[in-house]
Structure formats: structure tokens, C-alpha cells
Amino acid sequence: MYKKIFFILITAVCFCNAKADTPGKAKMHESKVTFQGVKKIAGYSFYWKMEHADKGDVFTTDSSFILLSSGGAPYRYSFWAINNATQKSTDTIPFDNYYAPDYVVIINAIKNDSIYFTKQELSNANKIVHEGNTDSIENKQLVADAKAAKNKHYLNTTLYCLAGAAGIGGLIWFFARRRKKKLEA
């Protein structure tokens, strides 16, 4: 009897590992990029543009943008600033949504046409990350959303584990009952 149970468990593990090589991939969800500290940088206009798009967004205050999900290759987005007086552009910072977490980009300064920033990752439906110290993030709703996404992930994992344990328990009960009937007969 124990050999049968062991065989079923090994078969289940092998099935799950074999399924990892099947075609297709997990659904990619959209991500959010929030820029913070834009107001502190005077004399610059900031730009956000999706690759191969006709026009981008111009902003001069703290803003959030969505990294759209795709069914294939990830979309690429670019972020940069232009000095209003000299019309000189800064370096470009790329963003891709390939199962990316949410980002909060805190702009610290612009020197010699380079943007100095701090990028903090937040959990979302794509990826669960350790947020670390989130005190520097001004929009506390973003932090609350990240914690809710992380809790949902942990709840789903717990439910899957409980369902698996119930399934294994049911199999053990079934085979034990079947063996007991054989011994009584």
C-alpha cells in the first residue's frame, strides 16, 4: 500500500515538473511606474514615451504611468528630461514590462545631463518583491496596494497547499479503506 502511495506522489511531482516545459507562459499583468520628486527639479520638462509610439507624455509634476502587458515581447518605455533653457536632453532611462513589479522612481537631481534617481520596487500581480524601507515613498496608497498584492499571493499559495494536502489525505484514506475491505473479505 505504501508503495502505491509513494508511486502516486512521485508521479504527481514528475507531472508538475514535466508541465513546466509545455508551450505558453503565465499571464503578464500591467505594471505601474510612479515618478516622485519631479517638482523639485526646476527648469526641466520630463518625458515618458512608449517605443514605436507617435508621441509621448510631457509632465512637470509627480505622475504615474502604466506599463502595458503584452502577449509576446514586452513593451519598452523611455523616460528622459529636457532642459527648458538649453533644450539639451538628459540620458534616457528604459523600462520594460517583462513580468515587472511596480516601480517608484524618486528623482534626486539632474547634473551634467544625467538623471540621479532612486528606484524602489513594489509587489504587484506580476512579481512579489521585498519592499524594504518604504518611508521615502510619498504615496502611501502604492505601498498599501503592494502589501495587498503580496497578501493575495500568500493566500493563494496557502490555499493551493491546503488543497494538495487534502488531495493526498483523500488518496491515503481511499487506499487505506480499500485495503481494510480486502483484509476483511
N, C-alpha and C. Protein backbone atom coordinates (compact mmCIF):
# COMPACT_ATOMS: atom_id res chain seq x y z
N MET A 1 0.81 -1.20 0.00
CA MET A 1 0.00 0.00 0.00
C MET A 1 0.86 1.26 0.00
N TYR A 2 1.87 1.27 0.83
CA TYR A 2 2.72 2.46 0.90
C TYR A 2 3.49 2.66 -0.40
N LYS A 3 3.78 1.55 -1.09
CA LYS A 3 4.45 1.66 -2.38
C LYS A 3 3.54 2.36 -3.39
N LYS A 4 2.25 2.07 -3.34
CA LYS A 4 1.30 2.71 -4.25
C LYS A 4 1.20 4.21 -3.97
N ILE A 5 1.13 4.56 -2.71
CA ILE A 5 1.04 5.98 -2.33
C ILE A 5 2.31 6.70 -2.75
N PHE A 6 3.45 6.07 -2.48
CA PHE A 6 4.72 6.66 -2.87
C PHE A 6 4.78 6.83 -4.39
N PHE A 7 4.31 5.83 -5.14
CA PHE A 7 4.30 5.90 -6.59
C PHE A 7 3.41 7.04 -7.08
N ILE A 8 2.26 7.23 -6.47
CA ILE A 8 1.35 8.31 -6.86
C ILE A 8 1.98 9.68 -6.59
N LEU A 9 2.64 9.81 -5.45
CA LEU A 9 3.30 11.08 -5.13
C LEU A 9 4.42 11.38 -6.12
N ILE A 10 5.21 10.38 -6.44
CA ILE A 10 6.31 10.58 -7.41
C ILE A 10 5.74 10.94 -8.78
N THR A 11 4.66 10.28 -9.18
CA THR A 11 4.02 10.58 -10.46
C THR A 11 3.51 12.02 -10.48
N ALA A 12 2.91 12.47 -9.39
CA ALA A 12 2.40 13.84 -9.33
C ALA A 12 3.53 14.86 -9.43
N VAL A 13 4.64 14.61 -8.75
CA VAL A 13 5.78 15.52 -8.81
C VAL A 13 6.35 15.55 -10.23
N CYS A 14 6.49 14.39 -10.85
CA CYS A 14 7.01 14.33 -12.22
C CYS A 14 6.08 15.05 -13.19
N PHE A 15 4.76 14.90 -13.00
CA PHE A 15 3.80 15.57 -13.87
C PHE A 15 3.94 17.09 -13.77
N CYS A 16 4.09 17.59 -12.55
CA CYS A 16 4.22 19.04 -12.36
C CYS A 16 5.50 19.55 -12.99
N ASN A 17 6.59 18.82 -12.87
CA ASN A 17 7.85 19.24 -13.48
C ASN A 17 7.78 19.16 -14.99
N ALA A 18 7.14 18.14 -15.53
CA ALA A 18 7.02 17.99 -16.98
C ALA A 18 6.15 19.09 -17.57
N LYS A 19 5.18 19.55 -16.83
CA LYS A 19 4.28 20.60 -17.31
C LYS A 19 5.01 21.93 -17.49
N ALA A 20 6.12 22.11 -16.79
CA ALA A 20 6.87 23.36 -16.89
C ALA A 20 7.42 23.58 -18.29
N ASP A 21 7.59 22.53 -19.08
CA ASP A 21 8.14 22.67 -20.41
C ASP A 21 7.07 22.75 -21.50
N THR A 22 5.82 22.85 -21.13
CA THR A 22 4.77 22.92 -22.13
C THR A 22 4.73 24.33 -22.73
N PRO A 23 4.21 24.46 -23.96
CA PRO A 23 4.15 25.78 -24.59
C PRO A 23 3.27 26.74 -23.79
N GLY A 24 3.52 28.00 -24.01
CA GLY A 24 2.74 29.03 -23.32
C GLY A 24 3.50 29.58 -22.13
N LYS A 25 2.97 30.62 -21.58
CA LYS A 25 3.61 31.22 -20.42
C LYS A 25 2.53 31.82 -19.53
N ALA A 26 2.92 32.15 -18.34
CA ALA A 26 1.97 32.75 -17.39
C ALA A 26 1.53 34.11 -17.91
N LYS A 27 0.33 34.48 -17.55
CA LYS A 27 -0.21 35.77 -17.98
C LYS A 27 0.62 36.91 -17.41
N MET A 28 0.95 37.86 -18.26
CA MET A 28 1.69 39.04 -17.83
C MET A 28 0.68 40.14 -17.51
N HIS A 29 0.81 40.74 -16.35
CA HIS A 29 -0.08 41.82 -15.93
C HIS A 29 0.61 43.16 -16.14
N GLU A 30 -0.17 44.22 -16.18
CA GLU A 30 0.42 45.55 -16.33
C GLU A 30 1.12 45.95 -15.04
N SER A 31 2.07 46.86 -15.18
CA SER A 31 2.82 47.40 -14.05
C SER A 31 2.64 48.91 -14.02
N LYS A 32 2.98 49.50 -12.90
CA LYS A 32 2.84 50.95 -12.75
C LYS A 32 4.20 51.54 -12.39
N VAL A 33 4.52 52.66 -13.04
CA VAL A 33 5.73 53.42 -12.71
C VAL A 33 5.28 54.78 -12.20
N THR A 34 5.70 55.14 -10.99
CA THR A 34 5.35 56.41 -10.39
C THR A 34 6.62 57.23 -10.22
N PHE A 35 6.60 58.46 -10.74
CA PHE A 35 7.74 59.35 -10.61
C PHE A 35 7.45 60.34 -9.50
N GLN A 36 8.41 60.45 -8.59
CA GLN A 36 8.26 61.29 -7.40
C GLN A 36 9.44 62.26 -7.36
N GLY A 37 9.21 63.47 -6.91
CA GLY A 37 10.27 64.47 -6.79
C GLY A 37 10.47 65.29 -8.05
N VAL A 38 9.53 65.20 -8.99
CA VAL A 38 9.65 65.93 -10.25
C VAL A 38 9.56 67.44 -10.01
N LYS A 39 8.70 67.85 -9.09
CA LYS A 39 8.51 69.29 -8.82
C LYS A 39 9.78 69.95 -8.30
N LYS A 40 10.63 69.17 -7.62
CA LYS A 40 11.85 69.74 -7.04
C LYS A 40 12.89 70.10 -8.09
N ILE A 41 12.78 69.53 -9.29
CA ILE A 41 13.75 69.78 -10.35
C ILE A 41 13.19 70.89 -11.25
N ALA A 42 13.64 72.10 -11.02
CA ALA A 42 13.14 73.24 -11.78
C ALA A 42 13.89 73.37 -13.10
N GLY A 43 13.20 73.88 -14.10
CA GLY A 43 13.83 74.15 -15.39
C GLY A 43 13.89 72.97 -16.33
N TYR A 44 13.21 71.89 -16.00
CA TYR A 44 13.21 70.70 -16.86
C TYR A 44 11.78 70.24 -17.12
N SER A 45 11.57 69.75 -18.32
CA SER A 45 10.33 69.05 -18.67
C SER A 45 10.67 67.58 -18.80
N PHE A 46 9.83 66.74 -18.24
CA PHE A 46 10.09 65.29 -18.25
C PHE A 46 9.20 64.63 -19.29
N TYR A 47 9.73 63.58 -19.90
CA TYR A 47 9.05 62.90 -20.99
C TYR A 47 8.95 61.40 -20.72
N TRP A 48 7.82 60.83 -21.11
CA TRP A 48 7.54 59.40 -21.00
C TRP A 48 6.97 58.95 -22.33
N LYS A 49 7.59 57.95 -22.95
CA LYS A 49 7.15 57.53 -24.27
C LYS A 49 7.27 56.03 -24.42
N MET A 50 6.26 55.44 -25.04
CA MET A 50 6.30 54.03 -25.39
C MET A 50 7.06 53.89 -26.71
N GLU A 51 7.94 52.88 -26.80
CA GLU A 51 8.71 52.66 -28.02
C GLU A 51 7.76 52.44 -29.20
N HIS A 52 8.08 53.02 -30.32
CA HIS A 52 7.30 52.95 -31.57
C HIS A 52 5.97 53.69 -31.48
N ALA A 53 5.77 54.50 -30.47
CA ALA A 53 4.56 55.32 -30.39
C ALA A 53 4.82 56.65 -31.09
N ASP A 54 3.76 57.27 -31.59
CA ASP A 54 3.91 58.52 -32.31
C ASP A 54 4.32 59.67 -31.41
N LYS A 55 3.68 59.75 -30.24
CA LYS A 55 4.04 60.84 -29.33
C LYS A 55 4.02 60.33 -27.90
N GLY A 56 4.73 61.05 -27.05
CA GLY A 56 4.82 60.67 -25.65
C GLY A 56 4.10 61.66 -24.76
N ASP A 57 4.24 61.47 -23.48
CA ASP A 57 3.63 62.34 -22.49
C ASP A 57 4.68 63.27 -21.90
N VAL A 58 4.31 64.54 -21.74
CA VAL A 58 5.17 65.53 -21.11
C VAL A 58 4.57 65.83 -19.74
N PHE A 59 5.42 65.86 -18.71
CA PHE A 59 4.89 66.16 -17.38
C PHE A 59 5.91 66.95 -16.56
N THR A 60 5.41 67.78 -15.66
CA THR A 60 6.26 68.60 -14.79
C THR A 60 5.90 68.44 -13.32
N THR A 61 4.99 67.51 -13.02
CA THR A 61 4.64 67.20 -11.63
C THR A 61 4.74 65.69 -11.42
N ASP A 62 4.67 65.27 -10.20
CA ASP A 62 4.72 63.84 -9.89
C ASP A 62 3.59 63.13 -10.64
N SER A 63 3.94 62.03 -11.33
CA SER A 63 2.97 61.35 -12.19
C SER A 63 3.16 59.85 -12.13
N SER A 64 2.12 59.13 -12.52
CA SER A 64 2.16 57.67 -12.63
C SER A 64 1.81 57.27 -14.05
N PHE A 65 2.47 56.22 -14.54
CA PHE A 65 2.22 55.70 -15.87
C PHE A 65 2.10 54.18 -15.80
N ILE A 66 1.35 53.64 -16.74
CA ILE A 66 1.11 52.20 -16.79
C ILE A 66 2.02 51.57 -17.84
N LEU A 67 2.71 50.50 -17.46
CA LEU A 67 3.46 49.67 -18.40
C LEU A 67 2.49 48.58 -18.84
N LEU A 68 2.01 48.67 -20.07
CA LEU A 68 1.02 47.72 -20.55
C LEU A 68 1.59 46.31 -20.63
N SER A 69 0.73 45.33 -20.44
CA SER A 69 1.15 43.94 -20.58
C SER A 69 1.06 43.56 -22.06
N SER A 70 1.80 42.52 -22.41
CA SER A 70 1.75 42.06 -23.80
C SER A 70 1.65 40.55 -23.81
N GLY A 71 1.22 40.02 -24.93
CA GLY A 71 1.13 38.58 -25.08
C GLY A 71 2.42 37.99 -25.64
N GLY A 72 3.36 38.81 -26.01
CA GLY A 72 4.61 38.35 -26.60
C GLY A 72 5.78 39.11 -26.03
N ALA A 73 6.51 39.79 -26.92
CA ALA A 73 7.66 40.57 -26.49
C ALA A 73 7.19 41.73 -25.63
N PRO A 74 7.93 42.06 -24.58
CA PRO A 74 7.49 43.15 -23.70
C PRO A 74 7.59 44.50 -24.39
N TYR A 75 6.73 45.40 -23.98
CA TYR A 75 6.79 46.77 -24.47
C TYR A 75 7.92 47.50 -23.77
N ARG A 76 8.56 48.41 -24.49
CA ARG A 76 9.64 49.21 -23.91
C ARG A 76 9.17 50.65 -23.81
N TYR A 77 9.50 51.26 -22.70
CA TYR A 77 9.17 52.66 -22.45
C TYR A 77 10.46 53.41 -22.14
N SER A 78 10.46 54.70 -22.43
CA SER A 78 11.63 55.54 -22.16
C SER A 78 11.23 56.74 -21.33
N PHE A 79 12.13 57.13 -20.45
CA PHE A 79 11.94 58.30 -19.59
C PHE A 79 13.19 59.16 -19.72
N TRP A 80 13.00 60.47 -19.92
CA TRP A 80 14.10 61.40 -20.01
C TRP A 80 13.60 62.80 -19.70
N ALA A 81 14.53 63.74 -19.61
CA ALA A 81 14.18 65.14 -19.34
C ALA A 81 14.90 66.04 -20.34
N ILE A 82 14.32 67.20 -20.58
CA ILE A 82 14.93 68.20 -21.46
C ILE A 82 14.99 69.52 -20.70
N ASN A 83 16.18 70.14 -20.73
CA ASN A 83 16.38 71.43 -20.10
C ASN A 83 15.60 72.47 -20.89
N ASN A 84 14.74 73.20 -20.20
CA ASN A 84 13.88 74.18 -20.87
C ASN A 84 14.67 75.34 -21.47
N ALA A 85 15.80 75.70 -20.87
CA ALA A 85 16.58 76.83 -21.37
C ALA A 85 17.48 76.44 -22.54
N THR A 86 18.20 75.34 -22.42
CA THR A 86 19.17 74.95 -23.45
C THR A 86 18.63 73.92 -24.44
N GLN A 87 17.47 73.35 -24.16
CA GLN A 87 16.87 72.29 -24.98
C GLN A 87 17.77 71.06 -25.11
N LYS A 88 18.67 70.88 -24.14
CA LYS A 88 19.57 69.73 -24.14
C LYS A 88 18.90 68.58 -23.37
N SER A 89 18.98 67.39 -23.94
CA SER A 89 18.32 66.22 -23.37
C SER A 89 19.25 65.50 -22.39
N THR A 90 18.64 64.88 -21.40
CA THR A 90 19.40 64.06 -20.45
C THR A 90 19.52 62.65 -21.00
N ASP A 91 20.17 61.80 -20.24
CA ASP A 91 20.21 60.39 -20.61
C ASP A 91 18.80 59.80 -20.53
N THR A 92 18.59 58.70 -21.22
CA THR A 92 17.28 58.05 -21.27
C THR A 92 17.31 56.82 -20.39
N ILE A 93 16.26 56.67 -19.59
CA ILE A 93 16.14 55.51 -18.70
C ILE A 93 15.06 54.60 -19.28
N PRO A 94 15.42 53.35 -19.61
CA PRO A 94 14.44 52.44 -20.20
C PRO A 94 13.66 51.66 -19.13
N PHE A 95 12.44 51.29 -19.46
CA PHE A 95 11.60 50.44 -18.62
C PHE A 95 10.95 49.39 -19.52
N ASP A 96 10.98 48.16 -19.11
CA ASP A 96 10.31 47.06 -19.82
C ASP A 96 9.33 46.40 -18.88
N ASN A 97 8.19 45.97 -19.44
CA ASN A 97 7.26 45.20 -18.62
C ASN A 97 7.38 43.73 -19.00
N TYR A 98 8.42 43.09 -18.51
CA TYR A 98 8.53 41.65 -18.65
C TYR A 98 8.35 41.07 -17.25
N TYR A 99 7.09 40.87 -16.88
CA TYR A 99 6.72 40.43 -15.54
C TYR A 99 7.36 41.34 -14.49
N ALA A 100 7.28 42.65 -14.74
CA ALA A 100 7.93 43.63 -13.88
C ALA A 100 7.06 43.98 -12.68
N PRO A 101 7.71 44.30 -11.56
CA PRO A 101 6.96 44.81 -10.41
C PRO A 101 6.58 46.27 -10.66
N ASP A 102 5.86 46.86 -9.74
CA ASP A 102 5.60 48.30 -9.80
C ASP A 102 6.87 49.02 -9.35
N TYR A 103 7.09 50.20 -9.89
CA TYR A 103 8.28 50.97 -9.54
C TYR A 103 7.87 52.34 -9.01
N VAL A 104 8.63 52.83 -8.04
CA VAL A 104 8.56 54.23 -7.64
C VAL A 104 9.95 54.79 -7.90
N VAL A 105 10.02 55.76 -8.80
CA VAL A 105 11.29 56.38 -9.17
C VAL A 105 11.34 57.74 -8.49
N ILE A 106 12.27 57.88 -7.55
CA ILE A 106 12.43 59.12 -6.80
C ILE A 106 13.58 59.89 -7.45
N ILE A 107 13.25 61.02 -8.06
CA ILE A 107 14.26 61.82 -8.77
C ILE A 107 14.95 62.71 -7.75
N ASN A 108 16.27 62.52 -7.65
CA ASN A 108 17.05 63.26 -6.66
C ASN A 108 17.65 64.54 -7.24
N ALA A 109 18.23 64.46 -8.46
CA ALA A 109 18.88 65.62 -9.06
C ALA A 109 19.16 65.35 -10.52
N ILE A 110 19.47 66.43 -11.25
CA ILE A 110 19.98 66.31 -12.62
C ILE A 110 21.27 67.10 -12.66
N LYS A 111 22.37 66.40 -13.00
CA LYS A 111 23.69 67.04 -13.10
C LYS A 111 24.37 66.56 -14.37
N ASN A 112 24.96 67.46 -15.11
CA ASN A 112 25.67 67.13 -16.34
C ASN A 112 24.84 66.26 -17.26
N ASP A 113 23.59 66.61 -17.40
CA ASP A 113 22.66 65.90 -18.28
C ASP A 113 22.45 64.44 -17.89
N SER A 114 22.63 64.12 -16.64
CA SER A 114 22.34 62.78 -16.12
C SER A 114 21.30 62.90 -15.01
N ILE A 115 20.37 61.99 -15.04
CA ILE A 115 19.32 61.96 -14.01
C ILE A 115 19.79 61.05 -12.88
N TYR A 116 19.85 61.59 -11.68
CA TYR A 116 20.19 60.80 -10.50
C TYR A 116 18.88 60.47 -9.79
N PHE A 117 18.65 59.19 -9.61
CA PHE A 117 17.37 58.76 -9.07
C PHE A 117 17.55 57.51 -8.20
N THR A 118 16.52 57.23 -7.43
CA THR A 118 16.42 56.01 -6.65
C THR A 118 15.18 55.28 -7.13
N LYS A 119 15.35 54.01 -7.46
CA LYS A 119 14.22 53.22 -7.96
C LYS A 119 13.87 52.16 -6.92
N GLN A 120 12.63 52.18 -6.48
CA GLN A 120 12.15 51.21 -5.49
C GLN A 120 11.09 50.33 -6.12
N GLU A 121 11.22 49.01 -5.92
CA GLU A 121 10.25 48.05 -6.45
C GLU A 121 9.16 47.78 -5.44
N LEU A 122 7.94 47.62 -5.95
CA LEU A 122 6.79 47.26 -5.12
C LEU A 122 6.11 46.03 -5.72
N SER A 123 5.56 45.20 -4.89
CA SER A 123 4.89 43.97 -5.34
C SER A 123 3.63 44.30 -6.13
N ASN A 124 3.34 43.44 -7.11
CA ASN A 124 2.09 43.52 -7.87
C ASN A 124 1.71 42.12 -8.31
N ALA A 125 0.78 42.02 -9.24
CA ALA A 125 0.33 40.69 -9.70
C ALA A 125 1.41 39.96 -10.49
N ASN A 126 2.38 40.68 -11.05
CA ASN A 126 3.47 40.05 -11.80
C ASN A 126 4.53 39.44 -10.91
N LYS A 127 4.92 40.17 -9.88
CA LYS A 127 6.10 39.79 -9.11
C LYS A 127 5.93 40.19 -7.65
N ILE A 128 6.37 39.30 -6.77
CA ILE A 128 6.37 39.59 -5.34
C ILE A 128 7.81 39.93 -4.95
N VAL A 129 8.01 41.11 -4.40
CA VAL A 129 9.34 41.57 -4.02
C VAL A 129 9.34 42.00 -2.55
N HIS A 130 10.53 42.06 -1.99
CA HIS A 130 10.68 42.60 -0.64
C HIS A 130 10.85 44.11 -0.78
N GLU A 131 9.89 44.85 -0.27
CA GLU A 131 9.89 46.30 -0.47
C GLU A 131 10.97 47.02 0.33
N GLY A 132 11.34 46.48 1.47
CA GLY A 132 12.32 47.17 2.30
C GLY A 132 11.69 48.38 2.97
N ASN A 133 12.48 49.43 3.14
CA ASN A 133 12.01 50.65 3.79
C ASN A 133 11.23 51.50 2.78
N THR A 134 9.97 51.67 3.03
CA THR A 134 9.11 52.43 2.11
C THR A 134 8.78 53.83 2.65
N ASP A 135 9.53 54.31 3.62
CA ASP A 135 9.25 55.63 4.20
C ASP A 135 9.45 56.77 3.21
N SER A 136 10.33 56.58 2.22
CA SER A 136 10.61 57.66 1.26
C SER A 136 9.52 57.78 0.20
N ILE A 137 8.61 56.83 0.13
CA ILE A 137 7.52 56.89 -0.85
C ILE A 137 6.40 57.76 -0.29
N GLU A 138 6.09 58.83 -1.00
CA GLU A 138 5.08 59.77 -0.51
C GLU A 138 3.66 59.24 -0.66
N ASN A 139 3.38 58.53 -1.74
CA ASN A 139 2.04 58.00 -1.99
C ASN A 139 1.88 56.67 -1.25
N LYS A 140 1.30 56.72 -0.08
CA LYS A 140 1.16 55.52 0.77
C LYS A 140 0.15 54.53 0.20
N GLN A 141 -0.70 54.97 -0.74
CA GLN A 141 -1.63 54.04 -1.36
C GLN A 141 -0.87 53.01 -2.20
N LEU A 142 0.24 53.41 -2.82
CA LEU A 142 1.06 52.47 -3.58
C LEU A 142 1.62 51.37 -2.68
N VAL A 143 2.05 51.75 -1.49
CA VAL A 143 2.58 50.77 -0.53
C VAL A 143 1.47 49.85 -0.06
N ALA A 144 0.28 50.39 0.19
CA ALA A 144 -0.85 49.57 0.62
C ALA A 144 -1.26 48.58 -0.48
N ASP A 145 -1.25 49.03 -1.74
CA ASP A 145 -1.58 48.13 -2.85
C ASP A 145 -0.55 47.01 -2.98
N ALA A 146 0.73 47.34 -2.76
CA ALA A 146 1.79 46.32 -2.82
C ALA A 146 1.61 45.28 -1.72
N LYS A 147 1.25 45.72 -0.53
CA LYS A 147 1.03 44.77 0.57
C LYS A 147 -0.19 43.90 0.30
N ALA A 148 -1.22 44.47 -0.31
CA ALA A 148 -2.41 43.69 -0.64
C ALA A 148 -2.07 42.64 -1.71
N ALA A 149 -1.26 43.00 -2.70
CA ALA A 149 -0.86 42.03 -3.73
C ALA A 149 -0.03 40.91 -3.12
N LYS A 150 0.85 41.25 -2.20
CA LYS A 150 1.67 40.23 -1.54
C LYS A 150 0.81 39.30 -0.69
N ASN A 151 -0.15 39.87 0.05
CA ASN A 151 -1.05 39.04 0.87
C ASN A 151 -1.90 38.12 0.00
N LYS A 152 -2.36 38.60 -1.15
CA LYS A 152 -3.15 37.78 -2.06
C LYS A 152 -2.32 36.61 -2.58
N HIS A 153 -1.06 36.87 -2.91
CA HIS A 153 -0.17 35.81 -3.38
C HIS A 153 0.02 34.75 -2.30
N TYR A 154 0.28 35.19 -1.07
CA TYR A 154 0.49 34.23 0.02
C TYR A 154 -0.79 33.45 0.33
N LEU A 155 -1.94 34.10 0.25
CA LEU A 155 -3.21 33.42 0.48
C LEU A 155 -3.43 32.34 -0.59
N ASN A 156 -3.18 32.68 -1.86
CA ASN A 156 -3.33 31.70 -2.94
C ASN A 156 -2.38 30.52 -2.75
N THR A 157 -1.14 30.80 -2.37
CA THR A 157 -0.18 29.72 -2.14
C THR A 157 -0.64 28.82 -1.00
N THR A 158 -1.14 29.41 0.07
CA THR A 158 -1.64 28.63 1.21
C THR A 158 -2.83 27.76 0.80
N LEU A 159 -3.74 28.35 0.02
CA LEU A 159 -4.91 27.57 -0.42
C LEU A 159 -4.51 26.41 -1.33
N TYR A 160 -3.53 26.63 -2.22
CA TYR A 160 -3.06 25.54 -3.08
C TYR A 160 -2.41 24.43 -2.25
N CYS A 161 -1.64 24.81 -1.25
CA CYS A 161 -1.01 23.81 -0.37
C CYS A 161 -2.06 23.02 0.39
N LEU A 162 -3.07 23.70 0.92
CA LEU A 162 -4.13 23.01 1.64
C LEU A 162 -4.91 22.08 0.72
N ALA A 163 -5.18 22.52 -0.51
CA ALA A 163 -5.89 21.66 -1.47
C ALA A 163 -5.05 20.44 -1.82
N GLY A 164 -3.74 20.62 -1.98
CA GLY A 164 -2.86 19.48 -2.24
C GLY A 164 -2.82 18.51 -1.08
N ALA A 165 -2.73 19.05 0.14
CA ALA A 165 -2.71 18.19 1.32
C ALA A 165 -4.03 17.44 1.46
N ALA A 166 -5.14 18.10 1.16
CA ALA A 166 -6.45 17.43 1.22
C ALA A 166 -6.52 16.32 0.17
N GLY A 167 -5.99 16.57 -1.01
CA GLY A 167 -5.97 15.56 -2.06
C GLY A 167 -5.14 14.35 -1.66
N ILE A 168 -3.97 14.59 -1.12
CA ILE A 168 -3.12 13.48 -0.67
C ILE A 168 -3.78 12.74 0.49
N GLY A 169 -4.39 13.48 1.40
CA GLY A 169 -5.11 12.83 2.51
C GLY A 169 -6.25 11.97 2.01
N GLY A 170 -6.97 12.47 1.00
CA GLY A 170 -8.06 11.69 0.42
C GLY A 170 -7.57 10.41 -0.24
N LEU A 171 -6.44 10.49 -0.93
CA LEU A 171 -5.86 9.29 -1.54
C LEU A 171 -5.44 8.28 -0.49
N ILE A 172 -4.80 8.75 0.55
CA ILE A 172 -4.39 7.84 1.64
C ILE A 172 -5.61 7.19 2.27
N TRP A 173 -6.65 7.99 2.53
CA TRP A 173 -7.88 7.44 3.12
C TRP A 173 -8.51 6.41 2.20
N PHE A 174 -8.55 6.71 0.89
CA PHE A 174 -9.14 5.79 -0.09
C PHE A 174 -8.39 4.46 -0.11
N PHE A 175 -7.06 4.53 -0.20
CA PHE A 175 -6.31 3.28 -0.27
C PHE A 175 -6.32 2.53 1.05
N ALA A 176 -6.34 3.22 2.17
CA ALA A 176 -6.41 2.55 3.47
C ALA A 176 -7.76 1.86 3.62
N ARG A 177 -8.83 2.51 3.21
CA ARG A 177 -10.17 1.92 3.29
C ARG A 177 -10.28 0.71 2.36
N ARG A 178 -9.71 0.85 1.18
CA ARG A 178 -9.74 -0.25 0.22
C ARG A 178 -8.97 -1.46 0.75
N ARG A 179 -7.83 -1.21 1.35
CA ARG A 179 -7.03 -2.31 1.91
C ARG A 179 -7.76 -2.97 3.08
N LYS A 180 -8.41 -2.14 3.90
CA LYS A 180 -9.15 -2.68 5.03
C LYS A 180 -10.27 -3.60 4.54
N LYS A 181 -10.98 -3.23 3.48
CA LYS A 181 -12.04 -4.07 2.91
C LYS A 181 -11.47 -5.38 2.39
N LYS A 182 -10.28 -5.34 1.77
CA LYS A 182 -9.65 -6.55 1.26
C LYS A 182 -9.29 -7.49 2.40
N LEU A 183 -8.77 -6.93 3.50
CA LEU A 183 -8.39 -7.75 4.65
C LEU A 183 -9.61 -8.37 5.33
N GLU A 184 -10.72 -7.65 5.36
CA GLU A 184 -11.96 -8.17 5.98
C GLU A 184 -12.59 -9.26 5.13
N ALA A 185 -12.39 -9.21 3.85
CA ALA A 185 -13.03 -10.19 2.96
C ALA A 185 -12.33 -11.51 2.91
